């Protein structure tokens, strides 16, 4: 580790230590939370009848009882999962689930890694935060989902629905992964509940995180900051990133809850270099493992990187949300507005064909020359925003009905207003017996795509350019019948129709 590297780590550790010193004494003497009002969504002065909820089927021994299976989904309690071994990333948890595979080009934060669910990549299953999707079809920045931004420091639970069984989403052939975030809790003291963690591992990998949650009257808050830096296992496969989240919630006298949240991340990740002692283009560094010049397992959608130039990616993303939830006696309503912005700049030093190469006189290595490449700018600045309305009814015994509407806009800065999706849906869950459940749903989606501009005279830069509207209307019926054969075995039959939103 270089002096510069140590300086960067120390620069990040010092603020964490200052926070610990600031809150250490009060945090030790803080009063325990009132168990009757530990949930921030509950009114501290009221004890009203809760709506009827479908019971969980069973809890397995998965990482200390961290996984609960319900008739419609699998729910992972992140705090219980962490008790059996600290993890910092969502995919570190998902990789333990059957049917989900994580293929990485880096041991740490990697926005470019591929997560597969039931054989589909993340362009064909949905990732959501608190119910709203962050999966966007613009895909200008190599992946549909920035996995490097999904750290576990501010996550309470992860819900997994396998297959396109949920009427609440389209583009979910592989399934749905819904991330439930942590919120602040009402406390009788102004002292927040603090957690501080720091880890050091192989390849000079340091991870630090601070979280704080609490409440002041009817206002609750949750704060999260994390930092991670590593030299990486392969040559130049280093990374240096940070993430943060802030959530504020206000509980009204009528039990309505208004929540504002911001979640963001900023990452610099180095591309692994060719490191081949028998190669003819790259110099070899014996301190790192061998990477052949023709290796294809460490690159995705780009050429091989070589020493001698810039080889790294800058990735930034921000998720903004405003939501209002209103519980009633046997029903509840939720309204959301959201916006996700992401941008990327990618640099790599690679080989291109030498136009002056003469096979009769030049050596074989002269057929290629090094060239510095770049992609980014306005073509890689994505924006995805929209709103959702959902109403859940628990009027009937062992039956829940959800109706909703959502709309999304997706674009890149260089090509605005590419996609508009509007959809309405209903989803009915019926617990017929303690072991048998049935889910029926229907989603209607109206999709409007505005094409990329094309010329009526190809090759003429002064010719007129046009963008056309393409509209699609689809009905998506959903049905799933599940039978719990035993505590750890279930069988289901699912017949669904889904729609894949093409990438740009």
Protein backbone atom coordinates (compact mmCIF):
# COMPACT_ATOMS: atom_id res chain seq x y z
CA UNK A 1 0.00 0.00 0.00
CA UNK A 2 1.43 3.38 -0.97
CA UNK A 3 1.69 6.46 1.27
CA UNK A 4 -0.98 8.11 -0.87
CA UNK A 5 -3.25 5.11 -0.32
CA UNK A 6 -2.70 5.27 3.47
CA UNK A 7 -3.47 8.98 3.43
CA UNK A 8 -6.81 8.38 1.70
CA UNK A 9 -7.77 5.71 4.23
CA UNK A 10 -6.80 7.90 7.20
CA UNK A 11 -8.75 10.79 5.70
CA UNK A 12 -11.88 8.64 5.77
CA UNK A 13 -11.26 7.02 9.18
CA UNK A 14 -10.82 10.29 11.08
CA UNK A 15 -14.42 11.51 10.55
CA UNK A 16 -15.71 8.11 11.69
CA UNK A 17 -13.65 8.30 14.89
CA UNK A 18 -14.84 11.84 15.56
CA UNK A 19 -18.44 10.74 15.28
CA UNK A 20 -17.79 7.87 17.70
CA UNK A 21 -16.17 10.21 20.22
CA UNK A 22 -19.00 12.71 19.90
CA UNK A 23 -21.77 10.21 20.64
CA UNK A 24 -19.94 7.54 22.64
CA UNK A 25 -20.90 8.59 26.18
CA UNK A 26 -24.56 9.46 25.54
CA UNK A 27 -25.03 6.34 23.43
CA UNK A 28 -23.87 4.10 26.29
CA UNK A 29 -26.29 5.66 28.75
CA UNK A 30 -29.19 5.95 26.32
CA UNK A 31 -32.50 4.56 27.51
CA UNK A 32 -33.86 1.50 25.73
CA UNK A 33 -36.60 2.06 23.20
CA UNK A 34 -40.22 1.50 24.15
CA UNK A 35 -41.00 -1.90 22.63
CA UNK A 36 -44.62 -0.88 22.10
CA UNK A 37 -43.56 1.98 19.84
CA UNK A 38 -40.36 0.70 18.27
CA UNK A 39 -41.77 0.90 14.75
CA UNK A 40 -41.57 4.42 13.36
CA UNK A 41 -44.77 3.84 11.45
CA UNK A 42 -46.78 3.50 14.68
CA UNK A 43 -48.43 6.46 16.37
CA UNK A 44 -46.85 6.91 19.86
CA UNK A 45 -50.14 8.03 21.44
CA UNK A 46 -52.55 5.62 19.71
CA UNK A 47 -53.26 1.92 19.94
CA UNK A 48 -55.55 1.22 17.02
CA UNK A 49 -56.60 -2.10 15.59
CA UNK A 50 -54.12 -3.26 12.98
CA UNK A 51 -55.36 -4.45 9.57
CA UNK A 52 -55.50 -8.18 8.94
CA UNK A 53 -52.26 -9.50 7.47
CA UNK A 54 -51.48 -12.85 5.89
CA UNK A 55 -49.28 -14.86 8.22
CA UNK A 56 -45.76 -15.96 7.31
CA UNK A 57 -45.54 -19.62 6.44
CA UNK A 58 -42.26 -20.49 8.21
CA UNK A 59 -38.78 -19.30 9.06
CA UNK A 60 -35.76 -21.33 8.00
CA UNK A 61 -32.33 -21.58 9.62
CA UNK A 62 -30.80 -19.60 6.74
CA UNK A 63 -28.05 -17.53 8.40
CA UNK A 64 -29.52 -17.54 11.89
CA UNK A 65 -33.19 -17.43 10.93
CA UNK A 66 -32.73 -14.50 8.57
CA UNK A 67 -35.08 -15.81 5.87
CA UNK A 68 -38.87 -15.91 6.09
CA UNK A 69 -41.03 -17.50 3.40
CA UNK A 70 -44.54 -16.19 2.78
CA UNK A 71 -47.12 -17.35 0.21
CA UNK A 72 -45.88 -14.77 -2.30
CA UNK A 73 -42.21 -14.03 -1.56
CA UNK A 74 -39.02 -14.70 0.38
CA UNK A 75 -38.05 -12.02 2.93
CA UNK A 76 -34.47 -11.65 4.22
CA UNK A 77 -33.84 -9.79 7.48
CA UNK A 78 -30.50 -8.05 6.83
CA UNK A 79 -29.69 -7.48 10.51
CA UNK A 80 -30.10 -11.18 11.33
CA UNK A 81 -28.08 -12.11 8.26
CA UNK A 82 -25.24 -9.83 9.40
CA UNK A 83 -25.07 -11.55 12.78
CA UNK A 84 -23.60 -14.62 11.09
CA UNK A 85 -20.99 -12.60 9.19
CA UNK A 86 -20.89 -8.94 8.25
CA UNK A 87 -21.66 -8.10 4.63
CA UNK A 88 -21.61 -4.73 2.92
CA UNK A 89 -23.34 -5.35 -0.39
CA UNK A 90 -26.77 -6.55 -1.46
CA UNK A 91 -25.33 -9.08 -3.89
CA UNK A 92 -23.31 -10.65 -1.04
CA UNK A 93 -26.66 -11.71 0.42
CA UNK A 94 -28.38 -12.58 -2.84
CA UNK A 95 -25.64 -15.00 -3.85
CA UNK A 96 -26.75 -17.32 -1.02
CA UNK A 97 -30.22 -17.74 -2.53
CA UNK A 98 -31.05 -20.62 -4.83
CA UNK A 99 -31.56 -19.44 -8.40
CA UNK A 100 -29.45 -16.26 -8.09
CA UNK A 101 -25.87 -16.18 -9.41
CA UNK A 102 -23.38 -13.33 -9.10
CA UNK A 103 -20.59 -13.10 -11.70
CA UNK A 104 -17.98 -10.53 -10.76
CA UNK A 105 -15.05 -8.90 -12.44
CA UNK A 106 -13.92 -7.50 -9.09
CA UNK A 107 -13.88 -8.67 -5.48
CA UNK A 108 -15.47 -5.44 -4.29
CA UNK A 109 -17.81 -2.72 -5.47
CA UNK A 110 -18.47 -3.29 -9.15
CA UNK A 111 -21.27 -1.51 -11.04
CA UNK A 112 -20.47 -3.68 -14.05
CA UNK A 113 -20.91 -7.10 -12.49
CA UNK A 114 -23.65 -9.41 -13.69
CA UNK A 115 -26.34 -10.75 -11.38
CA UNK A 116 -28.42 -13.58 -12.82
CA UNK A 117 -31.85 -14.55 -11.50
CA UNK A 118 -33.38 -17.77 -12.80
CA UNK A 119 -31.05 -17.52 -15.80
CA UNK A 120 -31.93 -13.90 -16.66
CA UNK A 121 -29.57 -10.94 -16.33
CA UNK A 122 -30.63 -7.73 -14.57
CA UNK A 123 -32.16 -6.31 -17.75
CA UNK A 124 -34.93 -8.91 -17.36
CA UNK A 125 -35.75 -8.75 -13.68
CA UNK A 126 -36.77 -5.80 -11.53
CA UNK A 127 -34.83 -4.15 -8.71
CA UNK A 128 -36.95 -1.87 -6.52
CA UNK A 129 -36.34 0.33 -3.47
CA UNK A 130 -39.35 0.59 -1.14
CA UNK A 131 -41.58 -0.67 -3.92
CA UNK A 132 -40.47 1.62 -6.73
CA UNK A 133 -38.27 0.27 -9.49
CA UNK A 134 -34.72 1.49 -10.10
CA UNK A 135 -34.31 -0.74 -13.17
CA UNK A 136 -34.24 1.53 -16.23
CA UNK A 137 -34.10 0.50 -19.91
CA UNK A 138 -31.83 3.34 -21.05
CA UNK A 139 -28.80 1.20 -20.16
CA UNK A 140 -26.30 3.70 -21.50
CA UNK A 141 -23.88 2.94 -18.69
CA UNK A 142 -23.19 -0.75 -19.35
CA UNK A 143 -25.66 -2.19 -16.83
CA UNK A 144 -29.33 -1.76 -16.11
CA UNK A 145 -28.71 -1.55 -12.36
CA UNK A 146 -25.81 0.12 -10.55
CA UNK A 147 -25.05 -2.65 -8.05
CA UNK A 148 -22.21 -0.65 -6.50
CA UNK A 149 -24.79 1.77 -5.06
CA UNK A 150 -26.73 -0.95 -3.21
CA UNK A 151 -24.98 -1.29 0.14
CA UNK A 152 -26.62 -2.89 3.19
CA UNK A 153 -25.97 -0.11 5.70
CA UNK A 154 -29.42 1.41 5.22
CA UNK A 155 -31.36 -1.73 4.34
CA UNK A 156 -33.77 -3.45 6.72
CA UNK A 157 -35.15 -6.25 4.56
CA UNK A 158 -34.89 -7.70 1.05
CA UNK A 159 -37.98 -9.20 -0.57
CA UNK A 160 -37.49 -11.69 -3.41
CA UNK A 161 -40.27 -12.78 -5.80
CA UNK A 162 -39.15 -15.40 -8.29
CA UNK A 163 -40.56 -15.14 -11.78
CA UNK A 164 -43.03 -12.70 -13.32
CA UNK A 165 -45.73 -13.50 -10.73
CA UNK A 166 -46.27 -9.95 -9.44
CA UNK A 167 -48.75 -7.70 -11.26
CA UNK A 168 -47.08 -4.66 -9.69
CA UNK A 169 -44.23 -4.74 -12.24
CA UNK A 170 -43.50 -5.51 -15.85
CA UNK A 171 -40.03 -6.40 -17.14
CA UNK A 172 -39.68 -9.08 -14.46
CA UNK A 173 -39.23 -12.38 -16.26
CA UNK A 174 -36.56 -13.40 -13.76
CA UNK A 175 -38.39 -12.00 -10.74
CA UNK A 176 -38.46 -8.99 -8.43
CA UNK A 177 -35.98 -7.92 -5.73
CA UNK A 178 -37.52 -5.24 -3.51
CA UNK A 179 -35.19 -3.50 -1.03
CA UNK A 180 -36.89 -2.19 2.14
CA UNK A 181 -34.87 0.65 3.68
CA UNK A 182 -34.38 1.54 7.33
CA UNK A 183 -36.28 4.46 8.80
CA UNK A 184 -35.83 6.40 12.01
CA UNK A 185 -37.58 5.33 15.20
CA UNK A 186 -39.49 7.33 17.78
CA UNK A 187 -37.38 7.61 20.93
CA UNK A 188 -37.99 9.07 24.36
CA UNK A 189 -34.53 10.61 24.30
CA UNK A 190 -32.91 12.92 21.78
CA UNK A 191 -29.82 10.71 21.74
CA UNK A 192 -29.74 8.80 18.42
CA UNK A 193 -29.12 5.11 18.10
CA UNK A 194 -25.62 4.81 16.63
CA UNK A 195 -23.74 2.01 14.90
CA UNK A 196 -20.11 2.25 13.82
CA UNK A 197 -18.16 -0.48 12.04
CA UNK A 198 -14.75 -0.81 10.42
CA UNK A 199 -13.15 -3.81 8.73
CA UNK A 200 -9.75 -4.48 7.22
CA UNK A 201 -9.18 -7.43 4.88
CA UNK A 202 -6.86 -8.82 2.22
CA UNK A 203 -5.53 -6.64 -0.60
CA UNK A 204 -5.49 -3.58 1.68
CA UNK A 205 -9.28 -3.51 1.76
CA UNK A 206 -10.82 -1.13 4.29
CA UNK A 207 -14.55 -0.69 4.91
CA UNK A 208 -16.04 1.83 7.31
CA UNK A 209 -19.66 2.70 8.06
CA UNK A 210 -21.60 4.98 10.44
CA UNK A 211 -25.37 4.99 10.89
CA UNK A 212 -27.56 7.06 13.20
CA UNK A 213 -31.32 6.88 13.71
CA UNK A 214 -33.73 8.52 16.08
CA UNK A 215 -36.59 10.93 16.44
CA UNK A 216 -37.50 14.37 17.70
CA UNK A 217 -41.18 14.55 18.55
CA UNK A 218 -43.12 13.37 15.49
CA UNK A 219 -40.06 13.72 13.24
CA UNK A 220 -37.85 10.67 12.75
CA UNK A 221 -34.57 10.37 10.87
CA UNK A 222 -32.00 7.85 9.66
CA UNK A 223 -28.49 8.73 8.45
CA UNK A 224 -25.95 6.41 6.81
CA UNK A 225 -22.43 6.90 5.45
CA UNK A 226 -20.03 4.24 4.22
CA UNK A 227 -16.58 4.17 2.64
CA UNK A 228 -14.63 1.36 0.98
CA UNK A 229 -11.19 1.25 -0.60
CA UNK A 230 -9.05 -1.64 -1.86
CA UNK A 231 -6.01 -2.41 -3.99
CA UNK A 232 -7.90 -5.27 -5.59
CA UNK A 233 -6.81 -8.81 -6.38
CA UNK A 234 -5.79 -8.25 -10.00
CA UNK A 235 -3.48 -5.58 -11.34
CA UNK A 236 -5.17 -2.14 -11.33
CA UNK A 237 -8.44 -3.70 -10.15
CA UNK A 238 -8.61 -1.20 -7.28
CA UNK A 239 -11.64 0.77 -6.15
CA UNK A 240 -12.37 3.78 -3.97
CA UNK A 241 -16.00 4.56 -3.22
CA UNK A 242 -18.46 6.00 -0.77
CA UNK A 243 -22.21 5.85 -0.30
CA UNK A 244 -24.69 7.79 1.80
CA UNK A 245 -28.39 7.98 2.59
CA UNK A 246 -30.63 10.37 4.51
CA UNK A 247 -34.29 9.68 5.42
CA UNK A 248 -36.69 11.96 7.25
CA UNK A 249 -40.23 10.97 8.20
CA UNK A 250 -42.98 13.02 9.83
CA UNK A 251 -45.91 11.30 11.56
CA UNK A 252 -49.12 13.33 11.44
CA UNK A 253 -51.82 13.27 14.13
CA UNK A 254 -54.03 11.22 11.78
CA UNK A 255 -51.25 8.56 11.53
CA UNK A 256 -50.20 9.55 8.00
CA UNK A 257 -46.46 9.38 7.38
CA UNK A 258 -44.56 11.68 5.01
CA UNK A 259 -41.08 10.39 4.10
CA UNK A 260 -38.27 12.13 2.22
CA UNK A 261 -35.12 10.23 1.33
CA UNK A 262 -31.91 10.55 -0.67
CA UNK A 263 -29.56 7.64 -1.37
CA UNK A 264 -26.37 8.09 -3.39
CA UNK A 265 -22.99 6.63 -4.22
CA UNK A 266 -19.74 7.70 -5.87
CA UNK A 267 -17.20 5.15 -7.07
CA UNK A 268 -13.87 5.07 -8.87
CA UNK A 269 -12.96 1.56 -10.03
CA UNK A 270 -9.86 0.52 -11.92
CA UNK A 271 -10.12 -1.88 -14.86
CA UNK A 272 -8.02 -5.01 -14.49
CA UNK A 273 -5.05 -4.99 -16.87
CA UNK A 274 -3.49 -7.63 -19.05
CA UNK A 275 -0.58 -9.03 -17.05
CA UNK A 276 0.92 -11.71 -19.27
CA UNK A 277 4.59 -12.76 -18.91
CA UNK A 278 4.40 -14.32 -22.35
CA UNK A 279 2.54 -11.43 -23.93
CA UNK A 280 3.91 -9.19 -26.63
CA UNK A 281 2.12 -5.92 -25.76
CA UNK A 282 1.86 -5.49 -21.98
CA UNK A 283 4.62 -5.31 -19.39
CA UNK A 284 4.39 -7.92 -16.64
CA UNK A 285 4.16 -7.24 -12.89
CA UNK A 286 4.98 -10.39 -10.85
CA UNK A 287 3.23 -8.95 -7.77
CA UNK A 288 -0.14 -9.69 -9.39
CA UNK A 289 -1.72 -12.84 -10.89
CA UNK A 290 -1.31 -13.60 -14.57
CA UNK A 291 -4.03 -12.23 -16.85
CA UNK A 292 -3.60 -13.32 -20.49
CA UNK A 293 -3.83 -10.65 -23.15
CA UNK A 294 -6.78 -12.46 -24.72
CA UNK A 295 -8.69 -12.97 -21.43
CA UNK A 296 -12.42 -12.41 -21.83
CA UNK A 297 -13.66 -13.08 -18.29
CA UNK A 298 -12.72 -9.70 -16.80
CA UNK A 299 -14.21 -7.44 -19.44
CA UNK A 300 -17.78 -6.69 -20.33
CA UNK A 301 -18.84 -4.55 -23.29
CA UNK A 302 -15.30 -3.13 -23.71
CA UNK A 303 -11.84 -3.99 -25.04
CA UNK A 304 -9.01 -5.41 -22.98
CA UNK A 305 -7.11 -2.82 -20.92
CA UNK A 306 -3.31 -2.52 -20.98
CA UNK A 307 -0.76 -0.69 -18.85
CA UNK A 308 0.48 2.69 -20.05
CA UNK A 309 -2.71 4.79 -20.01
CA UNK A 310 -5.89 5.53 -18.05
CA UNK A 311 -7.96 2.46 -17.18
CA UNK A 312 -10.78 3.26 -14.76
CA UNK A 313 -14.48 4.01 -14.41
CA UNK A 314 -16.17 6.85 -12.52
CA UNK A 315 -19.72 5.98 -11.51
CA UNK A 316 -22.21 8.21 -9.68
CA UNK A 317 -25.85 7.59 -8.82
CA UNK A 318 -28.53 9.31 -6.75
CA UNK A 319 -31.99 8.04 -5.78
CA UNK A 320 -34.52 10.61 -4.51
CA UNK A 321 -37.92 9.68 -3.07
CA UNK A 322 -40.94 11.37 -1.54
CA UNK A 323 -43.75 9.18 -0.23
CA UNK A 324 -46.91 9.49 1.84
CA UNK A 325 -48.51 6.52 3.58
CA UNK A 326 -51.92 6.59 5.25
CA UNK A 327 -53.12 3.58 7.24
CA UNK A 328 -56.83 3.04 7.79
CA UNK A 329 -58.61 0.51 9.97
CA UNK A 330 -58.45 -2.33 7.45
CA UNK A 331 -56.65 -0.80 4.51
CA UNK A 332 -53.75 1.48 3.64
CA UNK A 333 -52.75 3.92 0.91
CA UNK A 334 -49.32 4.87 -0.41
CA UNK A 335 -48.32 7.65 -2.85
CA UNK A 336 -44.73 7.97 -4.15
CA UNK A 337 -42.73 10.27 -6.38
CA UNK A 338 -39.18 9.20 -7.25
CA UNK A 339 -36.18 10.09 -9.35
CA UNK A 340 -32.98 8.18 -10.12
CA UNK A 341 -30.01 9.81 -11.79
CA UNK A 342 -26.81 8.07 -12.84
CA UNK A 343 -23.75 9.00 -14.84
CA UNK A 344 -20.55 7.29 -15.86
CA UNK A 345 -17.20 8.15 -17.39
CA UNK A 346 -15.07 5.26 -18.60
CA UNK A 347 -11.40 5.36 -19.66
CA UNK A 348 -9.40 2.43 -20.99
CA UNK A 349 -6.08 2.08 -22.76
CA UNK A 350 -6.36 -0.64 -25.35
CA UNK A 351 -5.25 -1.97 -28.74
CA UNK A 352 -6.61 -0.93 -32.13
CA UNK A 353 -5.63 -2.17 -35.57
CA UNK A 354 -2.68 -0.44 -37.18
CA UNK A 355 -3.81 0.85 -40.57
CA UNK A 356 -0.18 1.05 -41.70
CA UNK A 357 0.68 -2.53 -40.84
CA UNK A 358 2.46 -4.43 -43.63
CA UNK A 359 2.57 -8.21 -42.94
CA UNK A 360 5.42 -8.57 -45.43
CA UNK A 361 7.84 -6.30 -43.57
CA UNK A 362 6.42 -5.61 -40.07
CA UNK A 363 6.60 -7.97 -37.08
CA UNK A 364 3.32 -9.51 -35.83
CA UNK A 365 3.07 -7.15 -32.84
CA UNK A 366 3.01 -4.16 -35.19
CA UNK A 367 -0.46 -5.03 -36.46
CA UNK A 368 -1.91 -3.28 -33.37
CA UNK A 369 -1.12 0.07 -31.73
CA UNK A 370 -2.16 1.40 -28.32
CA UNK A 371 -4.98 3.90 -28.13
CA UNK A 372 -6.62 5.77 -25.23
CA UNK A 373 -10.41 5.42 -25.36
CA UNK A 374 -13.19 7.22 -23.50
CA UNK A 375 -16.94 6.90 -23.21
CA UNK A 376 -19.23 9.04 -21.11
CA UNK A 377 -20.49 12.59 -21.11
CA UNK A 378 -24.12 13.30 -21.97
CA UNK A 379 -24.56 9.88 -23.58
CA UNK A 380 -24.01 8.27 -20.18
CA UNK A 381 -26.08 10.61 -18.01
CA UNK A 382 -29.33 8.80 -17.32
CA UNK A 383 -32.52 9.96 -15.64
CA UNK A 384 -35.46 7.85 -14.56
CA UNK A 385 -38.42 9.39 -12.72
CA UNK A 386 -42.07 8.72 -12.05
CA UNK A 387 -44.80 8.17 -9.50
CA UNK A 388 -46.87 5.37 -7.93
CA UNK A 389 -50.22 5.06 -6.19
CA UNK A 390 -51.17 1.91 -4.31
CA UNK A 391 -54.17 0.97 -2.17
CA UNK A 392 -54.17 -2.24 -0.11
CA UNK A 393 -57.42 -3.72 1.23
CA UNK A 394 -57.60 -6.27 4.06
CA UNK A 395 -61.38 -6.32 4.46
CA UNK A 396 -61.68 -10.10 4.08
CA UNK A 397 -60.42 -12.96 6.18
CA UNK A 398 -57.25 -14.54 4.70
CA UNK A 399 -57.49 -12.34 1.62
CA UNK A 400 -55.62 -9.20 0.51
CA UNK A 401 -56.38 -7.10 -2.56
CA UNK A 402 -53.95 -4.49 -3.92
CA UNK A 403 -54.81 -2.02 -6.69
CA UNK A 404 -52.39 0.55 -8.06
CA UNK A 405 -51.16 2.81 -10.84
CA UNK A 406 -47.64 3.86 -11.79
CA UNK A 407 -45.94 5.85 -14.52
CA UNK A 408 -42.26 6.24 -15.44
CA UNK A 409 -40.17 8.41 -17.74
CA UNK A 410 -36.67 7.37 -18.84
CA UNK A 411 -34.05 9.29 -20.79
CA UNK A 412 -30.39 10.15 -21.27
CA UNK A 413 -29.22 13.74 -21.41
CA UNK A 414 -28.19 13.54 -25.07
CA UNK A 415 -31.54 11.95 -26.01
CA UNK A 416 -34.36 13.17 -23.75
CA UNK A 417 -37.77 11.60 -23.29
CA UNK A 418 -37.05 8.13 -24.70
CA UNK A 419 -39.56 6.06 -22.73
CA UNK A 420 -42.90 6.72 -21.04
CA UNK A 421 -44.69 3.83 -19.33
CA UNK A 422 -48.11 4.05 -17.69
CA UNK A 423 -49.68 1.04 -16.01
CA UNK A 424 -52.60 0.04 -13.79
CA UNK A 425 -52.86 -3.23 -11.92
CA UNK A 426 -54.64 -5.33 -9.30
CA UNK A 427 -53.28 -8.28 -7.33
CA UNK A 428 -55.34 -10.59 -5.11
CA UNK A 429 -53.73 -12.96 -2.58
CA UNK A 430 -55.90 -15.69 -1.07
CA UNK A 431 -54.71 -18.02 1.69
CA UNK A 432 -57.09 -20.91 0.99
CA UNK A 433 -55.62 -23.19 3.68
CA UNK A 434 -52.58 -22.92 5.97
CA UNK A 435 -50.58 -24.66 3.22
CA UNK A 436 -52.32 -23.61 0.01
CA UNK A 437 -52.26 -20.06 -1.38
CA UNK A 438 -53.37 -18.50 -4.67
CA UNK A 439 -52.26 -15.22 -6.22
CA UNK A 440 -54.17 -13.73 -9.16
CA UNK A 441 -53.39 -10.43 -10.84
CA UNK A 442 -53.68 -8.37 -13.99
CA UNK A 443 -51.54 -5.49 -15.26
CA UNK A 444 -52.27 -3.18 -18.17
CA UNK A 445 -49.35 -1.17 -19.54
CA UNK A 446 -49.18 1.56 -22.17
CA UNK A 447 -45.61 2.09 -23.44
CA UNK A 448 -44.55 4.99 -25.63
CA UNK A 449 -41.05 4.91 -27.12
CA UNK A 450 -39.54 7.88 -28.92
CA UNK A 451 -36.89 6.54 -31.29
CA UNK A 452 -33.36 7.82 -31.68
CA UNK A 453 -33.06 10.47 -34.37
CA UNK A 454 -32.28 9.17 -37.85
CA UNK A 455 -31.42 10.96 -41.08
CA UNK A 456 -33.42 10.88 -44.30
CA UNK A 457 -30.10 11.19 -46.12
CA UNK A 458 -27.51 8.93 -44.49
CA UNK A 459 -24.02 10.40 -44.68
CA UNK A 460 -25.26 13.98 -45.04
CA UNK A 461 -24.74 15.84 -41.72
CA UNK A 462 -27.05 18.65 -42.87
CA UNK A 463 -30.00 16.43 -43.64
CA UNK A 464 -33.12 16.56 -41.46
CA UNK A 465 -33.29 14.20 -38.52
CA UNK A 466 -36.45 12.61 -37.17
CA UNK A 467 -37.70 10.82 -34.04
CA UNK A 468 -40.83 8.72 -34.27
CA UNK A 469 -43.26 7.59 -31.58
CA UNK A 470 -43.86 3.86 -31.16
CA UNK A 471 -46.70 2.84 -28.84
CA UNK A 472 -47.44 -0.56 -27.33
CA UNK A 473 -50.42 -1.67 -25.25
CA UNK A 474 -50.20 -4.95 -23.33
CA UNK A 475 -52.38 -6.91 -20.89
CA UNK A 476 -50.35 -9.01 -18.47
CA UNK A 477 -52.32 -11.67 -16.53
CA UNK A 478 -50.63 -13.28 -13.51
CA UNK A 479 -51.43 -16.47 -11.57
CA UNK A 480 -49.50 -18.54 -9.02
CA UNK A 481 -50.65 -21.50 -6.92
CA UNK A 482 -48.31 -22.46 -4.04
CA UNK A 483 -48.49 -25.50 -1.75
CA UNK A 484 -46.23 -25.84 1.32
CA UNK A 485 -45.33 -29.53 1.44
CA UNK A 486 -43.23 -29.19 4.60
CA UNK A 487 -41.37 -26.56 6.60
CA UNK A 488 -38.59 -26.36 4.04
CA UNK A 489 -40.23 -27.57 0.84
CA UNK A 490 -42.82 -25.90 -1.35
CA UNK A 491 -44.14 -26.51 -4.83
CA UNK A 492 -45.87 -24.02 -7.08
CA UNK A 493 -47.42 -23.62 -10.50
CA UNK A 494 -47.17 -20.19 -12.07
CA UNK A 495 -48.58 -19.04 -15.40
CA UNK A 496 -47.82 -15.42 -16.29
CA UNK A 497 -47.42 -13.06 -19.21
CA UNK A 498 -44.73 -10.37 -19.03
CA UNK A 499 -43.30 -7.56 -21.15
CA UNK A 500 -39.60 -6.82 -21.58
CA UNK A 501 -38.78 -3.14 -22.07
CA UNK A 502 -36.03 -3.09 -24.73
CA UNK A 503 -32.79 -1.26 -23.95
CA UNK A 504 -31.52 1.66 -25.94
